[in-house]
Amino acid sequence: MSLFSRDKKRVTVEEAHRRTQGAHAPDVLLDVREHGEWDAGRAPGAVHAPLSALVAGAALPMAAQGQPLVVICRSGNRSQQAAGLLRARGVDAVDARGGMQQWAAAGHSVIGRNGTEGSVA
């Protein structure tokens, strides 16, 4: 038995990938980066909701409503904030530690605006 509880509000990018990719993925990957970052490159199948819009009170996109979410940003800071905000609204949300930088470093796909290879901005 560990003296420290595991932080269930955060997941690794490997866990995020497992939970959000594929036809039978149980969770939705919610990318909270701003438009320019999203256009540069994102994970396949991700849904976009900029943190600035969520903070201003915007609703989640339809594809994310009522679904368990794994929230991701560039490095993990904004996603942690967004996941906390969403949990306060009653949403089942965790964030991906290390964000899209770690996602790409782990070799997971990053696609650009036209479906070509993207980059993490």
PDB file of N, CA and C in Angstrom:
ATOM      1  N   MET A   1       0.840  -1.184   0.000  1.00  0.00           N
ATOM      2  CA  MET A   1       0.000   0.000   0.000  1.00  0.00           C
ATOM      3  C   MET A   1       0.884   1.245   0.000  1.00  0.00           C
ATOM      4  N   SER A   2       0.579   2.159  -0.854  1.00  0.00           N
ATOM      5  CA  SER A   2       1.358   3.384  -0.972  1.00  0.00           C
ATOM      6  C   SER A   2       0.871   4.434   0.023  1.00  0.00           C
ATOM      7  N   LEU A   3       1.796   5.226   0.507  1.00  0.00           N
ATOM      8  CA  LEU A   3       1.427   6.338   1.381  1.00  0.00           C
ATOM      9  C   LEU A   3       0.853   7.505   0.598  1.00  0.00           C
ATOM     10  N   PHE A   4       1.087   7.508  -0.714  1.00  0.00           N
ATOM     11  CA  PHE A   4       0.643   8.608  -1.550  1.00  0.00           C
ATOM     12  C   PHE A   4      -0.457   8.118  -2.484  1.00  0.00           C
ATOM     13  N   SER A   5      -1.546   8.874  -2.569  1.00  0.00           N
ATOM     14  CA  SER A   5      -2.602   8.489  -3.501  1.00  0.00           C
ATOM     15  C   SER A   5      -2.220   8.951  -4.902  1.00  0.00           C
ATOM     16  N   ARG A   6      -2.599   8.171  -5.871  1.00  0.00           N
ATOM     17  CA  ARG A   6      -2.326   8.523  -7.256  1.00  0.00           C
ATOM     18  C   ARG A   6      -3.269   9.639  -7.677  1.00  0.00           C
ATOM     19  N   ASP A   7      -2.767  10.611  -8.395  1.00  0.00           N
ATOM     20  CA  ASP A   7      -3.578  11.737  -8.846  1.00  0.00           C
ATOM     21  C   ASP A   7      -4.480  11.277  -9.982  1.00  0.00           C
ATOM     22  N   LYS A   8      -5.733  11.084  -9.708  1.00  0.00           N
ATOM     23  CA  LYS A   8      -6.682  10.600 -10.703  1.00  0.00           C
ATOM     24  C   LYS A   8      -7.225  11.720 -11.586  1.00  0.00           C
ATOM     25  N   LYS A   9      -6.775  12.927 -11.362  1.00  0.00           N
ATOM     26  CA  LYS A   9      -7.218  14.054 -12.180  1.00  0.00           C
ATOM     27  C   LYS A   9      -6.285  14.282 -13.361  1.00  0.00           C
ATOM     28  N   ARG A  10      -5.171  13.562 -13.393  1.00  0.00           N
ATOM     29  CA  ARG A  10      -4.184  13.705 -14.460  1.00  0.00           C
ATOM     30  C   ARG A  10      -3.834  12.326 -14.999  1.00  0.00           C
ATOM     31  N   VAL A  11      -3.568  12.265 -16.299  1.00  0.00           N
ATOM     32  CA  VAL A  11      -3.151  11.008 -16.915  1.00  0.00           C
ATOM     33  C   VAL A  11      -1.924  11.267 -17.778  1.00  0.00           C
ATOM     34  N   THR A  12      -1.177  10.212 -18.057  1.00  0.00           N
ATOM     35  CA  THR A  12      -0.039  10.324 -18.971  1.00  0.00           C
ATOM     36  C   THR A  12      -0.566  10.433 -20.403  1.00  0.00           C
ATOM     37  N   VAL A  13       0.300  10.832 -21.327  1.00  0.00           N
ATOM     38  CA  VAL A  13      -0.147  10.877 -22.724  1.00  0.00           C
ATOM     39  C   VAL A  13      -0.398   9.472 -23.252  1.00  0.00           C
ATOM     40  N   GLU A  14       0.289   8.475 -22.712  1.00  0.00           N
ATOM     41  CA  GLU A  14       0.014   7.093 -23.125  1.00  0.00           C
ATOM     42  C   GLU A  14      -1.405   6.695 -22.729  1.00  0.00           C
ATOM     43  N   GLU A  15      -1.797   7.037 -21.505  1.00  0.00           N
ATOM     44  CA  GLU A  15      -3.159   6.768 -21.054  1.00  0.00           C
ATOM     45  C   GLU A  15      -4.156   7.599 -21.860  1.00  0.00           C
ATOM     46  N   ALA A  16      -3.824   8.854 -22.126  1.00  0.00           N
ATOM     47  CA  ALA A  16      -4.700   9.712 -22.939  1.00  0.00           C
ATOM     48  C   ALA A  16      -4.900   9.099 -24.320  1.00  0.00           C
ATOM     49  N   HIS A  17      -3.834   8.614 -24.922  1.00  0.00           N
ATOM     50  CA  HIS A  17      -3.913   7.991 -26.238  1.00  0.00           C
ATOM     51  C   HIS A  17      -4.804   6.754 -26.184  1.00  0.00           C
ATOM     52  N   ARG A  18      -4.596   5.919 -25.208  1.00  0.00           N
ATOM     53  CA  ARG A  18      -5.389   4.695 -25.064  1.00  0.00           C
ATOM     54  C   ARG A  18      -6.874   4.998 -24.893  1.00  0.00           C
ATOM     55  N   ARG A  19      -7.170   6.055 -24.114  1.00  0.00           N
ATOM     56  CA  ARG A  19      -8.559   6.382 -23.801  1.00  0.00           C
ATOM     57  C   ARG A  19      -9.281   7.136 -24.906  1.00  0.00           C
ATOM     58  N   THR A  20      -8.549   7.741 -25.855  1.00  0.00           N
ATOM     59  CA  THR A  20      -9.214   8.636 -26.812  1.00  0.00           C
ATOM     60  C   THR A  20      -9.050   8.260 -28.281  1.00  0.00           C
ATOM     61  N   GLN A  21      -8.230   7.281 -28.588  1.00  0.00           N
ATOM     62  CA  GLN A  21      -7.982   6.973 -29.994  1.00  0.00           C
ATOM     63  C   GLN A  21      -8.650   5.655 -30.375  1.00  0.00           C
ATOM     64  N   GLY A  22      -9.138   5.593 -31.591  1.00  0.00           N
ATOM     65  CA  GLY A  22      -9.758   4.377 -32.093  1.00  0.00           C
ATOM     66  C   GLY A  22     -11.272   4.454 -32.090  1.00  0.00           C
ATOM     67  N   ALA A  23     -11.872   3.554 -32.828  1.00  0.00           N
ATOM     68  CA  ALA A  23     -13.322   3.561 -33.032  1.00  0.00           C
ATOM     69  C   ALA A  23     -14.113   3.362 -31.741  1.00  0.00           C
ATOM     70  N   HIS A  24     -13.553   2.645 -30.785  1.00  0.00           N
ATOM     71  CA  HIS A  24     -14.288   2.348 -29.554  1.00  0.00           C
ATOM     72  C   HIS A  24     -13.692   3.066 -28.349  1.00  0.00           C
ATOM     73  N   ALA A  25     -13.059   4.204 -28.588  1.00  0.00           N
ATOM     74  CA  ALA A  25     -12.434   4.968 -27.505  1.00  0.00           C
ATOM     75  C   ALA A  25     -13.505   5.432 -26.516  1.00  0.00           C
ATOM     76  N   PRO A  26     -13.276   5.221 -25.226  1.00  0.00           N
ATOM     77  CA  PRO A  26     -14.291   5.587 -24.243  1.00  0.00           C
ATOM     78  C   PRO A  26     -14.370   7.085 -23.934  1.00  0.00           C
ATOM     79  N   ASP A  27     -13.303   7.838 -24.202  1.00  0.00           N
ATOM     80  CA  ASP A  27     -13.252   9.261 -23.856  1.00  0.00           C
ATOM     81  C   ASP A  27     -13.036  10.110 -25.107  1.00  0.00           C
ATOM     82  N   VAL A  28     -13.340  11.397 -24.974  1.00  0.00           N
ATOM     83  CA  VAL A  28     -13.086  12.376 -26.033  1.00  0.00           C
ATOM     84  C   VAL A  28     -11.852  13.186 -25.646  1.00  0.00           C
ATOM     85  N   LEU A  29     -10.955  13.405 -26.609  1.00  0.00           N
ATOM     86  CA  LEU A  29      -9.788  14.252 -26.389  1.00  0.00           C
ATOM     87  C   LEU A  29     -10.186  15.690 -26.700  1.00  0.00           C
ATOM     88  N   LEU A  30     -10.155  16.549 -25.696  1.00  0.00           N
ATOM     89  CA  LEU A  30     -10.547  17.953 -25.838  1.00  0.00           C
ATOM     90  C   LEU A  30      -9.299  18.817 -25.821  1.00  0.00           C
ATOM     91  N   ASP A  31      -9.010  19.463 -26.935  1.00  0.00           N
ATOM     92  CA  ASP A  31      -7.833  20.325 -27.080  1.00  0.00           C
ATOM     93  C   ASP A  31      -8.237  21.753 -26.745  1.00  0.00           C
ATOM     94  N   VAL A  32      -7.602  22.353 -25.740  1.00  0.00           N
ATOM     95  CA  VAL A  32      -7.987  23.690 -25.276  1.00  0.00           C
ATOM     96  C   VAL A  32      -7.005  24.778 -25.707  1.00  0.00           C
ATOM     97  N   ARG A  33      -6.136  24.460 -26.678  1.00  0.00           N
ATOM     98  CA  ARG A  33      -5.218  25.485 -27.180  1.00  0.00           C
ATOM     99  C   ARG A  33      -5.979  26.475 -28.050  1.00  0.00           C
ATOM    100  N   GLU A  34      -5.346  27.590 -28.349  1.00  0.00           N
ATOM    101  CA  GLU A  34      -5.984  28.622 -29.169  1.00  0.00           C
ATOM    102  C   GLU A  34      -5.950  28.226 -30.647  1.00  0.00           C
ATOM    103  N   HIS A  35      -6.673  28.967 -31.463  1.00  0.00           N
ATOM    104  CA  HIS A  35      -6.887  28.617 -32.872  1.00  0.00           C
ATOM    105  C   HIS A  35      -5.598  28.394 -33.661  1.00  0.00           C
ATOM    106  N   GLY A  36      -4.618  29.263 -33.532  1.00  0.00           N
ATOM    107  CA  GLY A  36      -3.370  29.113 -34.279  1.00  0.00           C
ATOM    108  C   GLY A  36      -2.627  27.842 -33.902  1.00  0.00           C
ATOM    109  N   GLU A  37      -2.645  27.505 -32.624  1.00  0.00           N
ATOM    110  CA  GLU A  37      -1.996  26.275 -32.154  1.00  0.00           C
ATOM    111  C   GLU A  37      -2.734  25.049 -32.701  1.00  0.00           C
ATOM    112  N   TRP A  38      -4.047  25.087 -32.655  1.00  0.00           N
ATOM    113  CA  TRP A  38      -4.892  24.002 -33.170  1.00  0.00           C
ATOM    114  C   TRP A  38      -4.645  23.803 -34.661  1.00  0.00           C
ATOM    115  N   ASP A  39      -4.588  24.897 -35.422  1.00  0.00           N
ATOM    116  CA  ASP A  39      -4.367  24.805 -36.868  1.00  0.00           C
ATOM    117  C   ASP A  39      -3.004  24.211 -37.204  1.00  0.00           C
ATOM    118  N   ALA A  40      -1.989  24.492 -36.381  1.00  0.00           N
ATOM    119  CA  ALA A  40      -0.634  23.987 -36.645  1.00  0.00           C
ATOM    120  C   ALA A  40      -0.572  22.478 -36.519  1.00  0.00           C
ATOM    121  N   GLY A  41      -1.267  21.925 -35.549  1.00  0.00           N
ATOM    122  CA  GLY A  41      -1.242  20.483 -35.384  1.00  0.00           C
ATOM    123  C   GLY A  41      -2.024  20.029 -34.176  1.00  0.00           C
ATOM    124  N   ARG A  42      -2.724  18.918 -34.344  1.00  0.00           N
ATOM    125  CA  ARG A  42      -3.566  18.382 -33.278  1.00  0.00           C
ATOM    126  C   ARG A  42      -3.589  16.862 -33.371  1.00  0.00           C
ATOM    127  N   ALA A  43      -4.075  16.233 -32.338  1.00  0.00           N
ATOM    128  CA  ALA A  43      -4.219  14.780 -32.329  1.00  0.00           C
ATOM    129  C   ALA A  43      -5.422  14.400 -33.191  1.00  0.00           C
ATOM    130  N   PRO A  44      -5.331  13.306 -33.918  1.00  0.00           N
ATOM    131  CA  PRO A  44      -6.474  12.847 -34.710  1.00  0.00           C
ATOM    132  C   PRO A  44      -7.706  12.640 -33.824  1.00  0.00           C
ATOM    133  N   GLY A  45      -8.842  13.107 -34.295  1.00  0.00           N
ATOM    134  CA  GLY A  45     -10.091  12.926 -33.571  1.00  0.00           C
ATOM    135  C   GLY A  45     -10.330  13.884 -32.426  1.00  0.00           C
ATOM    136  N   ALA A  46      -9.380  14.766 -32.149  1.00  0.00           N
ATOM    137  CA  ALA A  46      -9.555  15.711 -31.045  1.00  0.00           C
ATOM    138  C   ALA A  46     -10.682  16.693 -31.368  1.00  0.00           C
ATOM    139  N   VAL A  47     -11.287  17.206 -30.314  1.00  0.00           N
ATOM    140  CA  VAL A  47     -12.324  18.229 -30.405  1.00  0.00           C
ATOM    141  C   VAL A  47     -11.724  19.514 -29.855  1.00  0.00           C
ATOM    142  N   HIS A  48     -12.043  20.645 -30.480  1.00  0.00           N
ATOM    143  CA  HIS A  48     -11.423  21.915 -30.116  1.00  0.00           C
ATOM    144  C   HIS A  48     -12.365  22.805 -29.310  1.00  0.00           C
ATOM    145  N   ALA A  49     -11.875  23.284 -28.179  1.00  0.00           N
ATOM    146  CA  ALA A  49     -12.579  24.264 -27.352  1.00  0.00           C
ATOM    147  C   ALA A  49     -11.520  25.087 -26.636  1.00  0.00           C
ATOM    148  N   PRO A  50     -11.146  26.247 -27.191  1.00  0.00           N
ATOM    149  CA  PRO A  50     -10.088  27.051 -26.570  1.00  0.00           C
ATOM    150  C   PRO A  50     -10.394  27.385 -25.105  1.00  0.00           C
ATOM    151  N   LEU A  51      -9.371  27.332 -24.279  1.00  0.00           N
ATOM    152  CA  LEU A  51      -9.539  27.664 -22.865  1.00  0.00           C
ATOM    153  C   LEU A  51     -10.158  29.050 -22.706  1.00  0.00           C
ATOM    154  N   SER A  52      -9.741  30.004 -23.523  1.00  0.00           N
ATOM    155  CA  SER A  52     -10.286  31.361 -23.395  1.00  0.00           C
ATOM    156  C   SER A  52     -11.801  31.363 -23.547  1.00  0.00           C
ATOM    157  N   ALA A  53     -12.340  30.540 -24.427  1.00  0.00           N
ATOM    158  CA  ALA A  53     -13.792  30.449 -24.615  1.00  0.00           C
ATOM    159  C   ALA A  53     -14.453  29.766 -23.424  1.00  0.00           C
ATOM    160  N   LEU A  54     -13.825  28.708 -22.915  1.00  0.00           N
ATOM    161  CA  LEU A  54     -14.389  28.014 -21.756  1.00  0.00           C
ATOM    162  C   LEU A  54     -14.429  28.928 -20.537  1.00  0.00           C
ATOM    163  N   VAL A  55     -13.363  29.689 -20.326  1.00  0.00           N
ATOM    164  CA  VAL A  55     -13.308  30.623 -19.198  1.00  0.00           C
ATOM    165  C   VAL A  55     -14.398  31.683 -19.333  1.00  0.00           C
ATOM    166  N   ALA A  56     -14.699  32.078 -20.572  1.00  0.00           N
ATOM    167  CA  ALA A  56     -15.741  33.077 -20.824  1.00  0.00           C
ATOM    168  C   ALA A  56     -17.149  32.493 -20.716  1.00  0.00           C
ATOM    169  N   GLY A  57     -17.241  31.182 -20.448  1.00  0.00           N
ATOM    170  CA  GLY A  57     -18.543  30.565 -20.239  1.00  0.00           C
ATOM    171  C   GLY A  57     -19.108  29.806 -21.421  1.00  0.00           C
ATOM    172  N   ALA A  58     -18.322  29.639 -22.480  1.00  0.00           N
ATOM    173  CA  ALA A  58     -18.813  28.925 -23.662  1.00  0.00           C
ATOM    174  C   ALA A  58     -19.137  27.474 -23.308  1.00  0.00           C
ATOM    175  N   ALA A  59     -20.130  26.948 -24.004  1.00  0.00           N
ATOM    176  CA  ALA A  59     -20.494  25.545 -23.851  1.00  0.00           C
ATOM    177  C   ALA A  59     -19.469  24.672 -24.564  1.00  0.00           C
ATOM    178  N   LEU A  60     -19.405  23.444 -24.168  1.00  0.00           N
ATOM    179  CA  LEU A  60     -18.556  22.483 -24.865  1.00  0.00           C
ATOM    180  C   LEU A  60     -19.125  22.216 -26.254  1.00  0.00           C
ATOM    181  N   PRO A  61     -18.277  21.890 -27.221  1.00  0.00           N
ATOM    182  CA  PRO A  61     -18.778  21.477 -28.534  1.00  0.00           C
ATOM    183  C   PRO A  61     -19.668  20.241 -28.370  1.00  0.00           C
ATOM    184  N   MET A  62     -20.619  20.075 -29.261  1.00  0.00           N
ATOM    185  CA  MET A  62     -21.570  18.956 -29.179  1.00  0.00           C
ATOM    186  C   MET A  62     -20.871  17.602 -29.022  1.00  0.00           C
ATOM    187  N   ALA A  63     -19.775  17.393 -29.752  1.00  0.00           N
ATOM    188  CA  ALA A  63     -19.076  16.104 -29.715  1.00  0.00           C
ATOM    189  C   ALA A  63     -18.484  15.798 -28.339  1.00  0.00           C
ATOM    190  N   ALA A  64     -18.341  16.806 -27.500  1.00  0.00           N
ATOM    191  CA  ALA A  64     -17.761  16.611 -26.173  1.00  0.00           C
ATOM    192  C   ALA A  64     -18.813  16.607 -25.068  1.00  0.00           C
ATOM    193  N   GLN A  65     -20.010  17.038 -25.370  1.00  0.00           N
ATOM    194  CA  GLN A  65     -21.051  17.129 -24.341  1.00  0.00           C
ATOM    195  C   GLN A  65     -21.492  15.752 -23.873  1.00  0.00           C
ATOM    196  N   GLY A  66     -21.544  15.581 -22.575  1.00  0.00           N
ATOM    197  CA  GLY A  66     -22.005  14.338 -21.980  1.00  0.00           C
ATOM    198  C   GLY A  66     -21.019  13.185 -22.074  1.00  0.00           C
ATOM    199  N   GLN A  67     -19.794  13.475 -22.481  1.00  0.00           N
ATOM    200  CA  GLN A  67     -18.770  12.451 -22.643  1.00  0.00           C
ATOM    201  C   GLN A  67     -17.666  12.641 -21.604  1.00  0.00           C
ATOM    202  N   PRO A  68     -17.009  11.559 -21.176  1.00  0.00           N
ATOM    203  CA  PRO A  68     -15.810  11.732 -20.357  1.00  0.00           C
ATOM    204  C   PRO A  68     -14.708  12.343 -21.228  1.00  0.00           C
ATOM    205  N   LEU A  69     -13.986  13.294 -20.666  1.00  0.00           N
ATOM    206  CA  LEU A  69     -12.996  14.048 -21.436  1.00  0.00           C
ATOM    207  C   LEU A  69     -11.588  13.857 -20.904  1.00  0.00           C
ATOM    208  N   VAL A  70     -10.647  13.802 -21.837  1.00  0.00           N
ATOM    209  CA  VAL A  70      -9.231  13.947 -21.533  1.00  0.00           C
ATOM    210  C   VAL A  70      -8.847  15.277 -22.176  1.00  0.00           C
ATOM    211  N   VAL A  71      -8.438  16.227 -21.357  1.00  0.00           N
ATOM    212  CA  VAL A  71      -8.155  17.582 -21.821  1.00  0.00           C
ATOM    213  C   VAL A  71      -6.663  17.717 -22.079  1.00  0.00           C
ATOM    214  N   ILE A  72      -6.322  18.355 -23.209  1.00  0.00           N
ATOM    215  CA  ILE A  72      -4.924  18.500 -23.589  1.00  0.00           C
ATOM    216  C   ILE A  72      -4.657  19.917 -24.076  1.00  0.00           C
ATOM    217  N   CYS A  73      -3.445  20.394 -23.853  1.00  0.00           N
ATOM    218  CA  CYS A  73      -2.995  21.694 -24.372  1.00  0.00           C
ATOM    219  C   CYS A  73      -1.570  21.496 -24.893  1.00  0.00           C
ATOM    220  N   ARG A  74      -0.769  22.520 -24.917  1.00  0.00           N
ATOM    221  CA  ARG A  74       0.597  22.409 -25.419  1.00  0.00           C
ATOM    222  C   ARG A  74       1.506  21.670 -24.439  1.00  0.00           C
ATOM    223  N   SER A  75       1.502  22.104 -23.157  1.00  0.00           N
ATOM    224  CA  SER A  75       2.439  21.533 -22.190  1.00  0.00           C
ATOM    225  C   SER A  75       1.777  20.912 -20.961  1.00  0.00           C
ATOM    226  N   GLY A  76       0.505  21.148 -20.763  1.00  0.00           N
ATOM    227  CA  GLY A  76      -0.198  20.592 -19.610  1.00  0.00           C
ATOM    228  C   GLY A  76      -0.695  21.607 -18.612  1.00  0.00           C
ATOM    229  N   ASN A  77      -0.303  22.858 -18.740  1.00  0.00           N
ATOM    230  CA  ASN A  77      -0.744  23.874 -17.777  1.00  0.00           C
ATOM    231  C   ASN A  77      -2.189  24.303 -18.019  1.00  0.00           C
ATOM    232  N   ARG A  78      -2.504  24.689 -19.240  1.00  0.00           N
ATOM    233  CA  ARG A  78      -3.876  25.126 -19.546  1.00  0.00           C
ATOM    234  C   ARG A  78      -4.864  23.974 -19.429  1.00  0.00           C
ATOM    235  N   SER A  79      -4.431  22.767 -19.798  1.00  0.00           N
ATOM    236  CA  SER A  79      -5.349  21.633 -19.712  1.00  0.00           C
ATOM    237  C   SER A  79      -5.702  21.328 -18.260  1.00  0.00           C
ATOM    238  N   GLN A  80      -4.755  21.500 -17.374  1.00  0.00           N
ATOM    239  CA  GLN A  80      -5.030  21.279 -15.955  1.00  0.00           C
ATOM    240  C   GLN A  80      -6.057  22.300 -15.465  1.00  0.00           C
ATOM    241  N   GLN A  81      -5.900  23.548 -15.879  1.00  0.00           N
ATOM    242  CA  GLN A  81      -6.854  24.595 -15.506  1.00  0.00           C
ATOM    243  C   GLN A  81      -8.229  24.295 -16.109  1.00  0.00           C
ATOM    244  N   ALA A  82      -8.257  23.925 -17.389  1.00  0.00           N
ATOM    245  CA  ALA A  82      -9.527  23.644 -18.065  1.00  0.00           C
ATOM    246  C   ALA A  82     -10.234  22.439 -17.448  1.00  0.00           C
ATOM    247  N   ALA A  83      -9.491  21.396 -17.132  1.00  0.00           N
ATOM    248  CA  ALA A  83     -10.108  20.210 -16.534  1.00  0.00           C
ATOM    249  C   ALA A  83     -10.733  20.556 -15.187  1.00  0.00           C
ATOM    250  N   GLY A  84     -10.057  21.394 -14.399  1.00  0.00           N
ATOM    251  CA  GLY A  84     -10.617  21.827 -13.119  1.00  0.00           C
ATOM    252  C   GLY A  84     -11.884  22.639 -13.307  1.00  0.00           C
ATOM    253  N   LEU A  85     -11.877  23.532 -14.271  1.00  0.00           N
ATOM    254  CA  LEU A  85     -13.053  24.345 -14.588  1.00  0.00           C
ATOM    255  C   LEU A  85     -14.212  23.447 -15.011  1.00  0.00           C
ATOM    256  N   LEU A  86     -13.922  22.473 -15.862  1.00  0.00           N
ATOM    257  CA  LEU A  86     -14.969  21.573 -16.342  1.00  0.00           C
ATOM    258  C   LEU A  86     -15.499  20.674 -15.228  1.00  0.00           C
ATOM    259  N   ARG A  87     -14.616  20.183 -14.365  1.00  0.00           N
ATOM    260  CA  ARG A  87     -15.085  19.375 -13.230  1.00  0.00           C
ATOM    261  C   ARG A  87     -16.009  20.193 -12.335  1.00  0.00           C
ATOM    262  N   ALA A  88     -15.700  21.479 -12.155  1.00  0.00           N
ATOM    263  CA  ALA A  88     -16.564  22.352 -11.352  1.00  0.00           C
ATOM    264  C   ALA A  88     -17.944  22.506 -11.994  1.00  0.00           C
ATOM    265  N   ARG A  89     -18.029  22.294 -13.303  1.00  0.00           N
ATOM    266  CA  ARG A  89     -19.307  22.339 -14.029  1.00  0.00           C
ATOM    267  C   ARG A  89     -19.989  20.968 -14.059  1.00  0.00           C
ATOM    268  N   GLY A  90     -19.377  19.982 -13.420  1.00  0.00           N
ATOM    269  CA  GLY A  90     -19.972  18.659 -13.367  1.00  0.00           C
ATOM    270  C   GLY A  90     -19.550  17.717 -14.478  1.00  0.00           C
ATOM    271  N   VAL A  91     -18.516  18.085 -15.239  1.00  0.00           N
ATOM    272  CA  VAL A  91     -18.033  17.268 -16.348  1.00  0.00           C
ATOM    273  C   VAL A  91     -16.976  16.293 -15.833  1.00  0.00           C
ATOM    274  N   ASP A  92     -17.000  15.078 -16.345  1.00  0.00           N
ATOM    275  CA  ASP A  92     -15.986  14.065 -16.037  1.00  0.00           C
ATOM    276  C   ASP A  92     -14.762  14.387 -16.890  1.00  0.00           C
ATOM    277  N   ALA A  93     -13.757  15.032 -16.297  1.00  0.00           N
ATOM    278  CA  ALA A  93     -12.597  15.494 -17.064  1.00  0.00           C
ATOM    279  C   ALA A  93     -11.300  15.272 -16.301  1.00  0.00           C
ATOM    280  N   VAL A  94     -10.288  14.806 -17.040  1.00  0.00           N
ATOM    281  CA  VAL A  94      -8.920  14.702 -16.543  1.00  0.00           C
ATOM    282  C   VAL A  94      -8.037  15.424 -17.550  1.00  0.00           C
ATOM    283  N   ASP A  95      -6.818  15.738 -17.164  1.00  0.00           N
ATOM    284  CA  ASP A  95      -5.923  16.367 -18.131  1.00  0.00           C
ATOM    285  C   ASP A  95      -4.714  15.496 -18.392  1.00  0.00           C
ATOM    286  N   ALA A  96      -4.133  15.703 -19.574  1.00  0.00           N
ATOM    287  CA  ALA A  96      -2.969  14.934 -20.014  1.00  0.00           C
ATOM    288  C   ALA A  96      -1.688  15.669 -19.630  1.00  0.00           C
ATOM    289  N   ARG A  97      -0.914  15.062 -18.724  1.00  0.00           N
ATOM    290  CA  ARG A  97       0.366  15.654 -18.308  1.00  0.00           C
ATOM    291  C   ARG A  97       1.307  15.739 -19.507  1.00  0.00           C
ATOM    292  N   GLY A  98       1.937  16.879 -19.655  1.00  0.00           N
ATOM    293  CA  GLY A  98       2.914  17.061 -20.725  1.00  0.00           C
ATOM    294  C   GLY A  98       2.315  17.541 -22.032  1.00  0.00           C
ATOM    295  N   GLY A  99       1.010  17.482 -22.165  1.00  0.00           N
ATOM    296  CA  GLY A  99       0.317  18.042 -23.312  1.00  0.00           C
ATOM    297  C   GLY A  99       0.752  17.503 -24.666  1.00  0.00           C
ATOM    298  N   MET A 100       0.494  18.302 -25.685  1.00  0.00           N
ATOM    299  CA  MET A 100       0.811  17.920 -27.060  1.00  0.00           C
ATOM    300  C   MET A 100       2.317  17.781 -27.271  1.00  0.00           C
ATOM    301  N   GLN A 101       3.127  18.500 -26.508  1.00  0.00           N
ATOM    302  CA  GLN A 101       4.571  18.330 -26.633  1.00  0.00           C
ATOM    303  C   GLN A 101       4.953  16.892 -26.290  1.00  0.00           C
ATOM    304  N   GLN A 102       4.425  16.381 -25.190  1.00  0.00           N
ATOM    305  CA  GLN A 102       4.715  15.011 -24.779  1.00  0.00           C
ATOM    306  C   GLN A 102       4.041  14.015 -25.726  1.00  0.00           C
ATOM    307  N   TRP A 103       2.839  14.343 -26.199  1.00  0.00           N
ATOM    308  CA  TRP A 103       2.114  13.494 -27.153  1.00  0.00           C
ATOM    309  C   TRP A 103       2.988  13.242 -28.384  1.00  0.00           C
ATOM    310  N   ALA A 104       3.510  14.321 -28.953  1.00  0.00           N
ATOM    311  CA  ALA A 104       4.355  14.209 -30.148  1.00  0.00           C
ATOM    312  C   ALA A 104       5.664  13.484 -29.826  1.00  0.00           C
ATOM    313  N   ALA A 105       6.267  13.799 -28.683  1.00  0.00           N
ATOM    314  CA  ALA A 105       7.524  13.156 -28.292  1.00  0.00           C
ATOM    315  C   ALA A 105       7.352  11.648 -28.114  1.00  0.00           C
ATOM    316  N   ALA A 106       6.160  11.222 -27.752  1.00  0.00           N
ATOM    317  CA  ALA A 106       5.876   9.798 -27.574  1.00  0.00           C
ATOM    318  C   ALA A 106       5.631   9.100 -28.912  1.00  0.00           C
ATOM    319  N   GLY A 107       5.638   9.878 -30.013  1.00  0.00           N
ATOM    320  CA  GLY A 107       5.460   9.302 -31.339  1.00  0.00           C
ATOM    321  C   GLY A 107       4.025   9.193 -31.807  1.00  0.00           C
ATOM    322  N   HIS A 108       3.097   9.816 -31.077  1.00  0.00           N
ATOM    323  CA  HIS A 108       1.694   9.783 -31.485  1.00  0.00           C
ATOM    324  C   HIS A 108       1.460  10.783 -32.621  1.00  0.00           C
ATOM    325  N   SER A 109       0.500  10.507 -33.462  1.00  0.00           N
ATOM    326  CA  SER A 109       0.216  11.336 -34.642  1.00  0.00           C
ATOM    327  C   SER A 109      -0.187  12.754 -34.272  1.00  0.00           C
ATOM    328  N   VAL A 110       0.315  13.683 -35.077  1.00  0.00           N
ATOM    329  CA  VAL A 110      -0.084  15.091 -35.010  1.00  0.00           C
ATOM    330  C   VAL A 110      -0.414  15.485 -36.440  1.00  0.00           C
ATOM    331  N   ILE A 111      -1.655  15.906 -36.649  1.00  0.00           N
ATOM    332  CA  ILE A 111      -2.073  16.275 -37.998  1.00  0.00           C
ATOM    333  C   ILE A 111      -2.293  17.779 -38.095  1.00  0.00           C
ATOM    334  N   GLY A 112      -2.035  18.313 -39.277  1.00  0.00           N
ATOM    335  CA  GLY A 112      -2.214  19.730 -39.525  1.00  0.00           C
ATOM    336  C   GLY A 112      -3.585  20.042 -40.081  1.00  0.00           C
ATOM    337  N   ARG A 113      -3.731  21.263 -40.477  1.00  0.00           N
ATOM    338  CA  ARG A 113      -5.011  21.788 -40.929  1.00  0.00           C
ATOM    339  C   ARG A 113      -5.621  21.007 -42.092  1.00  0.00           C
ATOM    340  N   ASN A 114      -4.820  20.561 -43.033  1.00  0.00           N
ATOM    341  CA  ASN A 114      -5.328  19.864 -44.212  1.00  0.00           C
ATOM    342  C   ASN A 114      -5.159  18.354 -44.111  1.00  0.00           C
ATOM    343  N   GLY A 115      -4.977  17.846 -42.908  1.00  0.00           N
ATOM    344  CA  GLY A 115      -4.808  16.417 -42.722  1.00  0.00           C
ATOM    345  C   GLY A 115      -3.389  15.929 -42.963  1.00  0.00           C
ATOM    346  N   THR A 116      -2.494  16.860 -43.259  1.00  0.00           N
ATOM    347  CA  THR A 116      -1.095  16.510 -43.452  1.00  0.00           C
ATOM    348  C   THR A 116      -0.406  16.461 -42.090  1.00  0.00           C
ATOM    349  N   GLU A 117       0.871  16.108 -42.095  1.00  0.00           N
ATOM    350  CA  GLU A 117       1.619  16.083 -40.845  1.00  0.00           C
ATOM    351  C   GLU A 117       1.657  17.481 -40.239  1.00  0.00           C
ATOM    352  N   GLY A 118       1.321  17.567 -38.958  1.00  0.00           N
ATOM    353  CA  GLY A 118       1.297  18.852 -38.272  1.00  0.00           C
ATOM    354  C   GLY A 118       2.458  18.999 -37.317  1.00  0.00           C
ATOM    355  N   SER A 119       2.471  20.117 -36.619  1.00  0.00           N
ATOM    356  CA  SER A 119       3.501  20.365 -35.624  1.00  0.00           C
ATOM    357  C   SER A 119       2.832  20.951 -34.379  1.00  0.00           C
ATOM    358  N   VAL A 120       3.524  20.864 -33.260  1.00  0.00           N
ATOM    359  CA  VAL A 120       3.006  21.404 -32.007  1.00  0.00           C
ATOM    360  C   VAL A 120       3.487  22.840 -31.873  1.00  0.00           C
ATOM    361  N   ALA A 121       2.531  23.748 -31.857  1.00  0.00           N
ATOM    362  CA  ALA A 121       2.857  25.175 -31.732  1.00  0.00           C
ATOM    363  C   ALA A 121       2.527  25.659 -30.346  1.00  0.00           C
TER     364      ALA A 121
END
